[in-house]
């Protein structure tokens, strides 16, 4: 996701986040009327992070605007945190979301791969 000058390619990051959100929506445990709370929590976290990215002024970011750069850094950090949560095996995430920590949710290979892709530079 890095351009040669050390900046993040915002449109590429946007596309990867959209793909991850699509993978979450396609997860079998996201079916209404009762989506799995842990999957819903993480999808919502990523959706909110994606909204932050959508609010970044790409021209200002490319010009080196401090605020725009901070926003993108926040998005990158939140994506790294989401990837870490997706791979939690301690049961802490399940406790946080009201799920059974002894039976953690399986996010599936597609969701995990797309989350991992967000952290690759």
PDB file of N, CA and C in Angstrom:
ATOM      1  N   UNK A   1       0.794  -1.186   0.000  1.00  0.00           N
ATOM      2  CA  UNK A   1       0.000   0.000   0.000  1.00  0.00           C
ATOM      3  C   UNK A   1       0.841   1.255   0.000  1.00  0.00           C
ATOM      4  N   UNK A   2       2.132   1.126   0.086  1.00  0.00           N
ATOM      5  CA  UNK A   2       2.996   2.288   0.086  1.00  0.00           C
ATOM      6  C   UNK A   2       3.309   2.718  -1.335  1.00  0.00           C
ATOM      7  N   UNK A   3       3.249   3.986  -1.514  1.00  0.00           N
ATOM      8  CA  UNK A   3       3.721   4.526  -2.772  1.00  0.00           C
ATOM      9  C   UNK A   3       5.226   4.751  -2.621  1.00  0.00           C
ATOM     10  N   UNK A   4       5.878   5.120  -3.688  1.00  0.00           N
ATOM     11  CA  UNK A   4       7.325   5.282  -3.631  1.00  0.00           C
ATOM     12  C   UNK A   4       7.738   6.388  -2.675  1.00  0.00           C
ATOM     13  N   UNK A   5       6.906   7.378  -2.466  1.00  0.00           N
ATOM     14  CA  UNK A   5       7.269   8.483  -1.587  1.00  0.00           C
ATOM     15  C   UNK A   5       6.880   8.235  -0.135  1.00  0.00           C
ATOM     16  N   UNK A   6       6.484   7.015   0.195  1.00  0.00           N
ATOM     17  CA  UNK A   6       6.182   6.685   1.587  1.00  0.00           C
ATOM     18  C   UNK A   6       4.750   6.953   2.001  1.00  0.00           C
ATOM     19  N   UNK A   7       3.889   7.298   1.064  1.00  0.00           N
ATOM     20  CA  UNK A   7       2.493   7.528   1.411  1.00  0.00           C
ATOM     21  C   UNK A   7       1.674   6.277   1.127  1.00  0.00           C
ATOM     22  N   UNK A   8       0.525   6.223   1.733  1.00  0.00           N
ATOM     23  CA  UNK A   8      -0.408   5.119   1.527  1.00  0.00           C
ATOM     24  C   UNK A   8      -1.266   5.439   0.304  1.00  0.00           C
ATOM     25  N   UNK A   9      -1.500   4.456  -0.511  1.00  0.00           N
ATOM     26  CA  UNK A   9      -2.399   4.605  -1.658  1.00  0.00           C
ATOM     27  C   UNK A   9      -3.829   4.497  -1.116  1.00  0.00           C
ATOM     28  N   UNK A  10      -4.473   5.637  -0.937  1.00  0.00           N
ATOM     29  CA  UNK A  10      -5.791   5.689  -0.308  1.00  0.00           C
ATOM     30  C   UNK A  10      -6.829   4.902  -1.106  1.00  0.00           C
ATOM     31  N   UNK A  11      -6.801   5.001  -2.417  1.00  0.00           N
ATOM     32  CA  UNK A  11      -7.810   4.280  -3.205  1.00  0.00           C
ATOM     33  C   UNK A  11      -7.611   2.769  -3.098  1.00  0.00           C
ATOM     34  N   UNK A  12      -6.382   2.335  -3.023  1.00  0.00           N
ATOM     35  CA  UNK A  12      -6.112   0.897  -2.861  1.00  0.00           C
ATOM     36  C   UNK A  12      -6.561   0.421  -1.479  1.00  0.00           C
ATOM     37  N   UNK A  13      -6.267   1.222  -0.460  1.00  0.00           N
ATOM     38  CA  UNK A  13      -6.694   0.881   0.897  1.00  0.00           C
ATOM     39  C   UNK A  13      -8.219   0.847   0.977  1.00  0.00           C
ATOM     40  N   UNK A  14      -8.868   1.802   0.340  1.00  0.00           N
ATOM     41  CA  UNK A  14     -10.331   1.840   0.291  1.00  0.00           C
ATOM     42  C   UNK A  14     -10.877   0.556  -0.333  1.00  0.00           C
ATOM     43  N   UNK A  15     -10.285   0.131  -1.431  1.00  0.00           N
ATOM     44  CA  UNK A  15     -10.742  -1.094  -2.107  1.00  0.00           C
ATOM     45  C   UNK A  15     -10.549  -2.317  -1.216  1.00  0.00           C
ATOM     46  N   UNK A  16      -9.418  -2.389  -0.525  1.00  0.00           N
ATOM     47  CA  UNK A  16      -9.159  -3.538   0.353  1.00  0.00           C
ATOM     48  C   UNK A  16     -10.126  -3.559   1.533  1.00  0.00           C
ATOM     49  N   UNK A  17     -10.438  -2.385   2.064  1.00  0.00           N
ATOM     50  CA  UNK A  17     -11.382  -2.326   3.181  1.00  0.00           C
ATOM     51  C   UNK A  17     -12.780  -2.718   2.711  1.00  0.00           C
ATOM     52  N   UNK A  18     -13.156  -2.303   1.521  1.00  0.00           N
ATOM     53  CA  UNK A  18     -14.453  -2.682   0.955  1.00  0.00           C
ATOM     54  C   UNK A  18     -14.528  -4.192   0.777  1.00  0.00           C
ATOM     55  N   UNK A  19     -13.456  -4.798   0.289  1.00  0.00           N
ATOM     56  CA  UNK A  19     -13.421  -6.257   0.120  1.00  0.00           C
ATOM     57  C   UNK A  19     -13.567  -6.966   1.463  1.00  0.00           C
ATOM     58  N   UNK A  20     -12.917  -6.440   2.497  1.00  0.00           N
ATOM     59  CA  UNK A  20     -13.030  -7.047   3.822  1.00  0.00           C
ATOM     60  C   UNK A  20     -14.457  -6.925   4.348  1.00  0.00           C
ATOM     61  N   UNK A  21     -15.061  -5.765   4.194  1.00  0.00           N
ATOM     62  CA  UNK A  21     -16.445  -5.594   4.647  1.00  0.00           C
ATOM     63  C   UNK A  21     -17.388  -6.527   3.884  1.00  0.00           C
ATOM     64  N   UNK A  22     -17.154  -6.698   2.595  1.00  0.00           N
ATOM     65  CA  UNK A  22     -17.963  -7.641   1.810  1.00  0.00           C
ATOM     66  C   UNK A  22     -17.798  -9.066   2.333  1.00  0.00           C
ATOM     67  N   UNK A  23     -16.570  -9.432   2.704  1.00  0.00           N
ATOM     68  CA  UNK A  23     -16.320 -10.776   3.245  1.00  0.00           C
ATOM     69  C   UNK A  23     -17.042 -10.961   4.574  1.00  0.00           C
ATOM     70  N   UNK A  24     -17.056  -9.920   5.404  1.00  0.00           N
ATOM     71  CA  UNK A  24     -17.797  -9.998   6.666  1.00  0.00           C
ATOM     72  C   UNK A  24     -19.283 -10.199   6.393  1.00  0.00           C
ATOM     73  N   UNK A  25     -19.830  -9.418   5.471  1.00  0.00           N
ATOM     74  CA  UNK A  25     -21.261  -9.515   5.170  1.00  0.00           C
ATOM     75  C   UNK A  25     -21.636 -10.881   4.613  1.00  0.00           C
ATOM     76  N   UNK A  26     -20.698 -11.538   3.937  1.00  0.00           N
ATOM     77  CA  UNK A  26     -20.963 -12.861   3.365  1.00  0.00           C
ATOM     78  C   UNK A  26     -20.753 -13.992   4.372  1.00  0.00           C
ATOM     79  N   UNK A  27     -20.227 -13.673   5.537  1.00  0.00           N
ATOM     80  CA  UNK A  27     -19.961 -14.713   6.540  1.00  0.00           C
ATOM     81  C   UNK A  27     -21.287 -15.350   6.956  1.00  0.00           C
ATOM     82  N   UNK A  28     -21.342 -16.685   7.011  1.00  0.00           N
ATOM     83  CA  UNK A  28     -22.608 -17.359   7.343  1.00  0.00           C
ATOM     84  C   UNK A  28     -23.170 -16.996   8.716  1.00  0.00           C
ATOM     85  N   UNK A  29     -22.334 -16.583   9.642  1.00  0.00           N
ATOM     86  CA  UNK A  29     -22.837 -16.228  10.974  1.00  0.00           C
ATOM     87  C   UNK A  29     -23.269 -14.765  11.075  1.00  0.00           C
ATOM     88  N   UNK A  30     -23.324 -14.069   9.945  1.00  0.00           N
ATOM     89  CA  UNK A  30     -23.847 -12.701   9.924  1.00  0.00           C
ATOM     90  C   UNK A  30     -25.297 -12.668   9.459  1.00  0.00           C
ATOM     91  N   UNK A  31     -25.892 -13.832   9.268  1.00  0.00           N
ATOM     92  CA  UNK A  31     -27.273 -13.915   8.798  1.00  0.00           C
ATOM     93  C   UNK A  31     -28.237 -13.351   9.838  1.00  0.00           C
ATOM     94  N   UNK A  32     -29.201 -12.523   9.404  1.00  0.00           N
ATOM     95  CA  UNK A  32     -30.245 -12.067  10.317  1.00  0.00           C
ATOM     96  C   UNK A  32     -31.105 -13.246  10.745  1.00  0.00           C
ATOM     97  N   UNK A  33     -31.806 -13.213  11.789  1.00  0.00           N
ATOM     98  CA  UNK A  33     -32.041 -12.042  12.624  1.00  0.00           C
ATOM     99  C   UNK A  33     -31.022 -11.878  13.747  1.00  0.00           C
ATOM    100  N   UNK A  34     -30.116 -12.818  13.913  1.00  0.00           N
ATOM    101  CA  UNK A  34     -29.196 -12.746  15.050  1.00  0.00           C
ATOM    102  C   UNK A  34     -27.754 -12.978  14.601  1.00  0.00           C
ATOM    103  N   UNK A  35     -27.116 -11.937  14.049  1.00  0.00           N
ATOM    104  CA  UNK A  35     -25.714 -12.111  13.669  1.00  0.00           C
ATOM    105  C   UNK A  35     -24.855 -12.357  14.910  1.00  0.00           C
ATOM    106  N   UNK A  36     -23.779 -13.091  14.720  1.00  0.00           N
ATOM    107  CA  UNK A  36     -22.878 -13.388  15.828  1.00  0.00           C
ATOM    108  C   UNK A  36     -22.328 -12.068  16.372  1.00  0.00           C
ATOM    109  N   UNK A  37     -22.404 -11.839  17.692  1.00  0.00           N
ATOM    110  CA  UNK A  37     -21.999 -10.547  18.246  1.00  0.00           C
ATOM    111  C   UNK A  37     -20.531 -10.199  18.018  1.00  0.00           C
ATOM    112  N   UNK A  38     -19.654 -11.174  18.044  1.00  0.00           N
ATOM    113  CA  UNK A  38     -18.233 -10.886  17.848  1.00  0.00           C
ATOM    114  C   UNK A  38     -17.964 -10.484  16.405  1.00  0.00           C
ATOM    115  N   UNK A  39     -18.573 -11.189  15.474  1.00  0.00           N
ATOM    116  CA  UNK A  39     -18.399 -10.842  14.062  1.00  0.00           C
ATOM    117  C   UNK A  39     -19.003  -9.469  13.792  1.00  0.00           C
ATOM    118  N   UNK A  40     -20.181  -9.225  14.347  1.00  0.00           N
ATOM    119  CA  UNK A  40     -20.832  -7.926  14.162  1.00  0.00           C
ATOM    120  C   UNK A  40     -19.965  -6.802  14.730  1.00  0.00           C
ATOM    121  N   UNK A  41     -19.410  -7.005  15.926  1.00  0.00           N
ATOM    122  CA  UNK A  41     -18.567  -5.997  16.572  1.00  0.00           C
ATOM    123  C   UNK A  41     -17.377  -5.636  15.685  1.00  0.00           C
ATOM    124  N   UNK A  42     -16.674  -6.645  15.196  1.00  0.00           N
ATOM    125  CA  UNK A  42     -15.490  -6.370  14.380  1.00  0.00           C
ATOM    126  C   UNK A  42     -15.860  -5.750  13.039  1.00  0.00           C
ATOM    127  N   UNK A  43     -16.948  -6.201  12.448  1.00  0.00           N
ATOM    128  CA  UNK A  43     -17.379  -5.600  11.195  1.00  0.00           C
ATOM    129  C   UNK A  43     -17.720  -4.122  11.405  1.00  0.00           C
ATOM    130  N   UNK A  44     -18.396  -3.821  12.494  1.00  0.00           N
ATOM    131  CA  UNK A  44     -18.749  -2.438  12.797  1.00  0.00           C
ATOM    132  C   UNK A  44     -17.495  -1.592  13.035  1.00  0.00           C
ATOM    133  N   UNK A  45     -16.523  -2.157  13.730  1.00  0.00           N
ATOM    134  CA  UNK A  45     -15.255  -1.461  13.977  1.00  0.00           C
ATOM    135  C   UNK A  45     -14.581  -1.124  12.646  1.00  0.00           C
ATOM    136  N   UNK A  46     -14.540  -2.079  11.749  1.00  0.00           N
ATOM    137  CA  UNK A  46     -13.900  -1.860  10.449  1.00  0.00           C
ATOM    138  C   UNK A  46     -14.727  -0.901   9.594  1.00  0.00           C
ATOM    139  N   UNK A  47     -16.039  -1.014   9.668  1.00  0.00           N
ATOM    140  CA  UNK A  47     -16.907  -0.094   8.915  1.00  0.00           C
ATOM    141  C   UNK A  47     -16.690   1.349   9.384  1.00  0.00           C
ATOM    142  N   UNK A  48     -16.587   1.552  10.692  1.00  0.00           N
ATOM    143  CA  UNK A  48     -16.329   2.896  11.215  1.00  0.00           C
ATOM    144  C   UNK A  48     -14.949   3.396  10.798  1.00  0.00           C
ATOM    145  N   UNK A  49     -13.975   2.508  10.784  1.00  0.00           N
ATOM    146  CA  UNK A  49     -12.632   2.872  10.331  1.00  0.00           C
ATOM    147  C   UNK A  49     -12.669   3.259   8.857  1.00  0.00           C
ATOM    148  N   UNK A  50     -13.435   2.533   8.080  1.00  0.00           N
ATOM    149  CA  UNK A  50     -13.568   2.826   6.652  1.00  0.00           C
ATOM    150  C   UNK A  50     -14.199   4.205   6.448  1.00  0.00           C
ATOM    151  N   UNK A  51     -15.145   4.552   7.288  1.00  0.00           N
ATOM    152  CA  UNK A  51     -15.765   5.888   7.197  1.00  0.00           C
ATOM    153  C   UNK A  51     -14.733   6.981   7.435  1.00  0.00           C
ATOM    154  N   UNK A  52     -13.821   6.750   8.369  1.00  0.00           N
ATOM    155  CA  UNK A  52     -12.750   7.725   8.615  1.00  0.00           C
ATOM    156  C   UNK A  52     -11.916   7.885   7.343  1.00  0.00           C
ATOM    157  N   UNK A  53     -11.559   6.771   6.725  1.00  0.00           N
ATOM    158  CA  UNK A  53     -10.773   6.827   5.491  1.00  0.00           C
ATOM    159  C   UNK A  53     -11.523   7.596   4.412  1.00  0.00           C
ATOM    160  N   UNK A  54     -12.827   7.345   4.283  1.00  0.00           N
ATOM    161  CA  UNK A  54     -13.627   8.034   3.265  1.00  0.00           C
ATOM    162  C   UNK A  54     -13.663   9.547   3.498  1.00  0.00           C
ATOM    163  N   UNK A  55     -13.442   9.962   4.747  1.00  0.00           N
ATOM    164  CA  UNK A  55     -13.460  11.380   5.070  1.00  0.00           C
ATOM    165  C   UNK A  55     -12.139  12.095   4.839  1.00  0.00           C
ATOM    166  N   UNK A  56     -11.107  11.353   4.480  1.00  0.00           N
ATOM    167  CA  UNK A  56      -9.792  11.960   4.252  1.00  0.00           C
ATOM    168  C   UNK A  56      -9.792  12.689   2.911  1.00  0.00           C
ATOM    169  N   UNK A  57      -9.296  13.905   2.926  1.00  0.00           N
ATOM    170  CA  UNK A  57      -9.136  14.669   1.696  1.00  0.00           C
ATOM    171  C   UNK A  57      -7.875  14.151   1.003  1.00  0.00           C
ATOM    172  N   UNK A  58      -8.051  13.392  -0.058  1.00  0.00           N
ATOM    173  CA  UNK A  58      -6.925  12.742  -0.740  1.00  0.00           C
ATOM    174  C   UNK A  58      -5.920  13.750  -1.283  1.00  0.00           C
ATOM    175  N   UNK A  59      -6.406  14.873  -1.778  1.00  0.00           N
ATOM    176  CA  UNK A  59      -5.492  15.895  -2.304  1.00  0.00           C
ATOM    177  C   UNK A  59      -4.651  16.488  -1.188  1.00  0.00           C
ATOM    178  N   UNK A  60      -5.286  16.758  -0.054  1.00  0.00           N
ATOM    179  CA  UNK A  60      -4.543  17.300   1.089  1.00  0.00           C
ATOM    180  C   UNK A  60      -3.533  16.275   1.592  1.00  0.00           C
ATOM    181  N   UNK A  61      -3.937  15.022   1.622  1.00  0.00           N
ATOM    182  CA  UNK A  61      -3.029  13.956   2.062  1.00  0.00           C
ATOM    183  C   UNK A  61      -1.810  13.896   1.143  1.00  0.00           C
ATOM    184  N   UNK A  62      -2.055  13.908  -0.159  1.00  0.00           N
ATOM    185  CA  UNK A  62      -0.960  13.838  -1.132  1.00  0.00           C
ATOM    186  C   UNK A  62      -0.036  15.046  -1.022  1.00  0.00           C
ATOM    187  N   UNK A  63      -0.604  16.180  -0.603  1.00  0.00           N
ATOM    188  CA  UNK A  63       0.193  17.399  -0.454  1.00  0.00           C
ATOM    189  C   UNK A  63       0.937  17.442   0.879  1.00  0.00           C
ATOM    190  N   UNK A  64       0.710  16.447   1.731  1.00  0.00           N
ATOM    191  CA  UNK A  64       1.427  16.389   3.004  1.00  0.00           C
ATOM    192  C   UNK A  64       0.716  17.045   4.171  1.00  0.00           C
ATOM    193  N   UNK A  65      -0.578  17.313   4.023  1.00  0.00           N
ATOM    194  CA  UNK A  65      -1.350  17.932   5.098  1.00  0.00           C
ATOM    195  C   UNK A  65      -1.275  17.087   6.371  1.00  0.00           C
ATOM    196  N   UNK A  66      -0.935  17.740   7.475  1.00  0.00           N
ATOM    197  CA  UNK A  66      -0.730  17.030   8.739  1.00  0.00           C
ATOM    198  C   UNK A  66      -2.002  16.318   9.208  1.00  0.00           C
ATOM    199  N   UNK A  67      -3.124  16.986   9.164  1.00  0.00           N
ATOM    200  CA  UNK A  67      -4.382  16.389   9.625  1.00  0.00           C
ATOM    201  C   UNK A  67      -4.755  15.173   8.781  1.00  0.00           C
ATOM    202  N   UNK A  68      -4.644  15.308   7.478  1.00  0.00           N
ATOM    203  CA  UNK A  68      -4.975  14.190   6.586  1.00  0.00           C
ATOM    204  C   UNK A  68      -4.036  13.014   6.838  1.00  0.00           C
ATOM    205  N   UNK A  69      -2.767  13.297   7.043  1.00  0.00           N
ATOM    206  CA  UNK A  69      -1.801  12.221   7.312  1.00  0.00           C
ATOM    207  C   UNK A  69      -2.121  11.529   8.636  1.00  0.00           C
ATOM    208  N   UNK A  70      -2.496  12.304   9.642  1.00  0.00           N
ATOM    209  CA  UNK A  70      -2.862  11.718  10.937  1.00  0.00           C
ATOM    210  C   UNK A  70      -4.092  10.829  10.804  1.00  0.00           C
ATOM    211  N   UNK A  71      -5.052  11.255   9.994  1.00  0.00           N
ATOM    212  CA  UNK A  71      -6.253  10.441   9.779  1.00  0.00           C
ATOM    213  C   UNK A  71      -5.894   9.104   9.130  1.00  0.00           C
ATOM    214  N   UNK A  72      -5.034   9.143   8.137  1.00  0.00           N
ATOM    215  CA  UNK A  72      -4.641   7.904   7.460  1.00  0.00           C
ATOM    216  C   UNK A  72      -3.840   7.019   8.414  1.00  0.00           C
ATOM    217  N   UNK A  73      -2.963   7.615   9.217  1.00  0.00           N
ATOM    218  CA  UNK A  73      -2.211   6.836  10.207  1.00  0.00           C
ATOM    219  C   UNK A  73      -3.160   6.168  11.195  1.00  0.00           C
ATOM    220  N   UNK A  74      -4.214   6.869  11.588  1.00  0.00           N
ATOM    221  CA  UNK A  74      -5.214   6.300  12.496  1.00  0.00           C
ATOM    222  C   UNK A  74      -5.908   5.104  11.840  1.00  0.00           C
ATOM    223  N   UNK A  75      -6.260   5.239  10.580  1.00  0.00           N
ATOM    224  CA  UNK A  75      -6.905   4.138   9.851  1.00  0.00           C
ATOM    225  C   UNK A  75      -5.970   2.933   9.794  1.00  0.00           C
ATOM    226  N   UNK A  76      -4.714   3.163   9.466  1.00  0.00           N
ATOM    227  CA  UNK A  76      -3.740   2.069   9.380  1.00  0.00           C
ATOM    228  C   UNK A  76      -3.599   1.383  10.739  1.00  0.00           C
ATOM    229  N   UNK A  77      -3.518   2.170  11.804  1.00  0.00           N
ATOM    230  CA  UNK A  77      -3.407   1.600  13.148  1.00  0.00           C
ATOM    231  C   UNK A  77      -4.636   0.799  13.539  1.00  0.00           C
ATOM    232  N   UNK A  78      -5.805   1.311  13.225  1.00  0.00           N
ATOM    233  CA  UNK A  78      -7.045   0.589  13.536  1.00  0.00           C
ATOM    234  C   UNK A  78      -7.144  -0.707  12.727  1.00  0.00           C
ATOM    235  N   UNK A  79      -6.671  -0.679  11.490  1.00  0.00           N
ATOM    236  CA  UNK A  79      -6.672  -1.903  10.683  1.00  0.00           C
ATOM    237  C   UNK A  79      -5.733  -2.948  11.282  1.00  0.00           C
ATOM    238  N   UNK A  80      -4.589  -2.513  11.780  1.00  0.00           N
ATOM    239  CA  UNK A  80      -3.661  -3.443  12.426  1.00  0.00           C
ATOM    240  C   UNK A  80      -4.291  -4.027  13.687  1.00  0.00           C
ATOM    241  N   UNK A  81      -4.987  -3.189  14.446  1.00  0.00           N
ATOM    242  CA  UNK A  81      -5.656  -3.647  15.662  1.00  0.00           C
ATOM    243  C   UNK A  81      -6.759  -4.656  15.316  1.00  0.00           C
ATOM    244  N   UNK A  82      -7.523  -4.374  14.268  1.00  0.00           N
ATOM    245  CA  UNK A  82      -8.585  -5.299  13.846  1.00  0.00           C
ATOM    246  C   UNK A  82      -7.997  -6.652  13.461  1.00  0.00           C
ATOM    247  N   UNK A  83      -6.882  -6.637  12.758  1.00  0.00           N
ATOM    248  CA  UNK A  83      -6.239  -7.894  12.367  1.00  0.00           C
ATOM    249  C   UNK A  83      -5.793  -8.661  13.609  1.00  0.00           C
ATOM    250  N   UNK A  84      -5.276  -7.945  14.585  1.00  0.00           N
ATOM    251  CA  UNK A  84      -4.870  -8.584  15.836  1.00  0.00           C
ATOM    252  C   UNK A  84      -6.084  -9.202  16.536  1.00  0.00           C
ATOM    253  N   UNK A  85      -7.189  -8.479  16.579  1.00  0.00           N
ATOM    254  CA  UNK A  85      -8.401  -8.997  17.220  1.00  0.00           C
ATOM    255  C   UNK A  85      -8.936 -10.228  16.494  1.00  0.00           C
ATOM    256  N   UNK A  86      -8.870 -10.212  15.178  1.00  0.00           N
ATOM    257  CA  UNK A  86      -9.343 -11.359  14.393  1.00  0.00           C
ATOM    258  C   UNK A  86      -8.574 -12.636  14.716  1.00  0.00           C
ATOM    259  N   UNK A  87      -7.356 -12.474  15.146  1.00  0.00           N
ATOM    260  CA  UNK A  87      -6.511 -13.630  15.443  1.00  0.00           C
ATOM    261  C   UNK A  87      -6.409 -13.907  16.934  1.00  0.00           C
ATOM    262  N   UNK A  88      -7.267 -13.282  17.737  1.00  0.00           N
ATOM    263  CA  UNK A  88      -7.253 -13.483  19.185  1.00  0.00           C
ATOM    264  C   UNK A  88      -7.634 -14.918  19.527  1.00  0.00           C
ATOM    265  N   UNK A  89      -6.794 -15.551  20.293  1.00  0.00           N
ATOM    266  CA  UNK A  89      -7.109 -16.915  20.738  1.00  0.00           C
ATOM    267  C   UNK A  89      -7.229 -16.987  22.254  1.00  0.00           C
ATOM    268  N   UNK A  90      -7.150 -15.828  22.907  1.00  0.00           N
ATOM    269  CA  UNK A  90      -7.197 -15.792  24.372  1.00  0.00           C
ATOM    270  C   UNK A  90      -8.615 -15.841  24.927  1.00  0.00           C
ATOM    271  N   UNK A  91      -9.602 -15.512  24.105  1.00  0.00           N
ATOM    272  CA  UNK A  91     -10.980 -15.441  24.571  1.00  0.00           C
ATOM    273  C   UNK A  91     -11.384 -14.044  25.007  1.00  0.00           C
ATOM    274  N   UNK A  92     -10.424 -13.124  25.048  1.00  0.00           N
ATOM    275  CA  UNK A  92     -10.714 -11.748  25.474  1.00  0.00           C
ATOM    276  C   UNK A  92     -11.730 -11.068  24.550  1.00  0.00           C
ATOM    277  N   UNK A  93     -11.570 -11.251  23.252  1.00  0.00           N
ATOM    278  CA  UNK A  93     -12.509 -10.636  22.306  1.00  0.00           C
ATOM    279  C   UNK A  93     -13.913 -11.175  22.523  1.00  0.00           C
ATOM    280  N   UNK A  94     -14.018 -12.462  22.759  1.00  0.00           N
ATOM    281  CA  UNK A  94     -15.334 -13.061  23.014  1.00  0.00           C
ATOM    282  C   UNK A  94     -15.958 -12.469  24.268  1.00  0.00           C
ATOM    283  N   UNK A  95     -15.162 -12.295  25.306  1.00  0.00           N
ATOM    284  CA  UNK A  95     -15.672 -11.686  26.541  1.00  0.00           C
ATOM    285  C   UNK A  95     -16.149 -10.262  26.287  1.00  0.00           C
ATOM    286  N   UNK A  96     -15.372  -9.514  25.506  1.00  0.00           N
ATOM    287  CA  UNK A  96     -15.723  -8.128  25.201  1.00  0.00           C
ATOM    288  C   UNK A  96     -17.047  -8.021  24.468  1.00  0.00           C
ATOM    289  N   UNK A  97     -17.377  -9.020  23.681  1.00  0.00           N
ATOM    290  CA  UNK A  97     -18.567  -8.942  22.831  1.00  0.00           C
ATOM    291  C   UNK A  97     -19.721  -9.792  23.335  1.00  0.00           C
ATOM    292  N   UNK A  98     -19.588 -10.315  24.544  1.00  0.00           N
ATOM    293  CA  UNK A  98     -20.676 -11.084  25.142  1.00  0.00           C
ATOM    294  C   UNK A  98     -20.820 -12.490  24.606  1.00  0.00           C
ATOM    295  N   UNK A  99     -19.771 -13.008  24.011  1.00  0.00           N
ATOM    296  CA  UNK A  99     -19.793 -14.374  23.481  1.00  0.00           C
ATOM    297  C   UNK A  99     -19.107 -15.320  24.458  1.00  0.00           C
ATOM    298  N   UNK A 100     -19.187 -16.584  24.170  1.00  0.00           N
ATOM    299  CA  UNK A 100     -18.585 -17.615  25.009  1.00  0.00           C
ATOM    300  C   UNK A 100     -17.088 -17.703  24.715  1.00  0.00           C
ATOM    301  N   UNK A 101     -16.231 -17.327  25.676  1.00  0.00           N
ATOM    302  CA  UNK A 101     -14.791 -17.360  25.428  1.00  0.00           C
ATOM    303  C   UNK A 101     -14.234 -18.770  25.239  1.00  0.00           C
ATOM    304  N   UNK A 102     -14.969 -19.777  25.684  1.00  0.00           N
ATOM    305  CA  UNK A 102     -14.490 -21.148  25.491  1.00  0.00           C
ATOM    306  C   UNK A 102     -14.843 -21.679  24.099  1.00  0.00           C
ATOM    307  N   UNK A 103     -15.627 -20.907  23.360  1.00  0.00           N
ATOM    308  CA  UNK A 103     -16.027 -21.301  22.013  1.00  0.00           C
ATOM    309  C   UNK A 103     -15.880 -20.097  21.070  1.00  0.00           C
ATOM    310  N   UNK A 104     -14.630 -19.697  20.779  1.00  0.00           N
ATOM    311  CA  UNK A 104     -14.429 -18.499  19.956  1.00  0.00           C
ATOM    312  C   UNK A 104     -14.956 -18.682  18.538  1.00  0.00           C
ATOM    313  N   UNK A 105     -15.388 -17.597  17.962  1.00  0.00           N
ATOM    314  CA  UNK A 105     -15.945 -17.610  16.609  1.00  0.00           C
ATOM    315  C   UNK A 105     -14.841 -17.898  15.588  1.00  0.00           C
ATOM    316  N   UNK A 106     -15.214 -18.576  14.527  1.00  0.00           N
ATOM    317  CA  UNK A 106     -14.300 -18.815  13.410  1.00  0.00           C
ATOM    318  C   UNK A 106     -14.625 -17.771  12.343  1.00  0.00           C
ATOM    319  N   UNK A 107     -13.725 -16.831  12.150  1.00  0.00           N
ATOM    320  CA  UNK A 107     -13.956 -15.774  11.165  1.00  0.00           C
ATOM    321  C   UNK A 107     -13.817 -16.288   9.739  1.00  0.00           C
ATOM    322  N   UNK A 108     -13.153 -17.401   9.578  1.00  0.00           N
ATOM    323  CA  UNK A 108     -12.974 -17.984   8.252  1.00  0.00           C
ATOM    324  C   UNK A 108     -11.736 -17.455   7.551  1.00  0.00           C
ATOM    325  N   UNK A 109     -11.273 -18.239   6.610  1.00  0.00           N
ATOM    326  CA  UNK A 109     -10.038 -17.916   5.895  1.00  0.00           C
ATOM    327  C   UNK A 109     -10.166 -16.640   5.066  1.00  0.00           C
ATOM    328  N   UNK A 110     -11.322 -16.408   4.452  1.00  0.00           N
ATOM    329  CA  UNK A 110     -11.495 -15.236   3.591  1.00  0.00           C
ATOM    330  C   UNK A 110     -11.393 -13.944   4.393  1.00  0.00           C
ATOM    331  N   UNK A 111     -12.110 -13.864   5.501  1.00  0.00           N
ATOM    332  CA  UNK A 111     -12.070 -12.660   6.335  1.00  0.00           C
ATOM    333  C   UNK A 111     -10.650 -12.439   6.852  1.00  0.00           C
ATOM    334  N   UNK A 112     -10.026 -13.495   7.349  1.00  0.00           N
ATOM    335  CA  UNK A 112      -8.669 -13.357   7.896  1.00  0.00           C
ATOM    336  C   UNK A 112      -7.670 -12.922   6.824  1.00  0.00           C
ATOM    337  N   UNK A 113      -7.768 -13.491   5.641  1.00  0.00           N
ATOM    338  CA  UNK A 113      -6.841 -13.129   4.562  1.00  0.00           C
ATOM    339  C   UNK A 113      -7.029 -11.676   4.147  1.00  0.00           C
ATOM    340  N   UNK A 114      -8.267 -11.242   4.068  1.00  0.00           N
ATOM    341  CA  UNK A 114      -8.526  -9.854   3.664  1.00  0.00           C
ATOM    342  C   UNK A 114      -8.112  -8.868   4.754  1.00  0.00           C
ATOM    343  N   UNK A 115      -8.244  -9.257   6.000  1.00  0.00           N
ATOM    344  CA  UNK A 115      -7.774  -8.407   7.100  1.00  0.00           C
ATOM    345  C   UNK A 115      -6.251  -8.325   7.088  1.00  0.00           C
ATOM    346  N   UNK A 116      -5.614  -9.443   6.853  1.00  0.00           N
ATOM    347  CA  UNK A 116      -4.151  -9.473   6.790  1.00  0.00           C
ATOM    348  C   UNK A 116      -3.657  -8.590   5.639  1.00  0.00           C
ATOM    349  N   UNK A 117      -4.379  -8.597   4.533  1.00  0.00           N
ATOM    350  CA  UNK A 117      -3.996  -7.782   3.375  1.00  0.00           C
ATOM    351  C   UNK A 117      -4.009  -6.291   3.706  1.00  0.00           C
ATOM    352  N   UNK A 118      -4.847  -5.895   4.652  1.00  0.00           N
ATOM    353  CA  UNK A 118      -4.891  -4.484   5.056  1.00  0.00           C
ATOM    354  C   UNK A 118      -3.609  -4.045   5.740  1.00  0.00           C
ATOM    355  N   UNK A 119      -2.915  -4.982   6.347  1.00  0.00           N
ATOM    356  CA  UNK A 119      -1.714  -4.623   7.104  1.00  0.00           C
ATOM    357  C   UNK A 119      -0.445  -4.749   6.271  1.00  0.00           C
ATOM    358  N   UNK A 120      -0.568  -5.274   5.066  1.00  0.00           N
ATOM    359  CA  UNK A 120       0.605  -5.424   4.206  1.00  0.00           C
ATOM    360  C   UNK A 120       0.909  -4.115   3.513  1.00  0.00           C
ATOM    361  N   UNK A 121       2.172  -3.820   3.479  1.00  0.00           N
ATOM    362  CA  UNK A 121       2.573  -2.572   2.828  1.00  0.00           C
ATOM    363  C   UNK A 121       3.193  -2.915   1.546  1.00  0.00           C
TER     364      UNK A 121
END
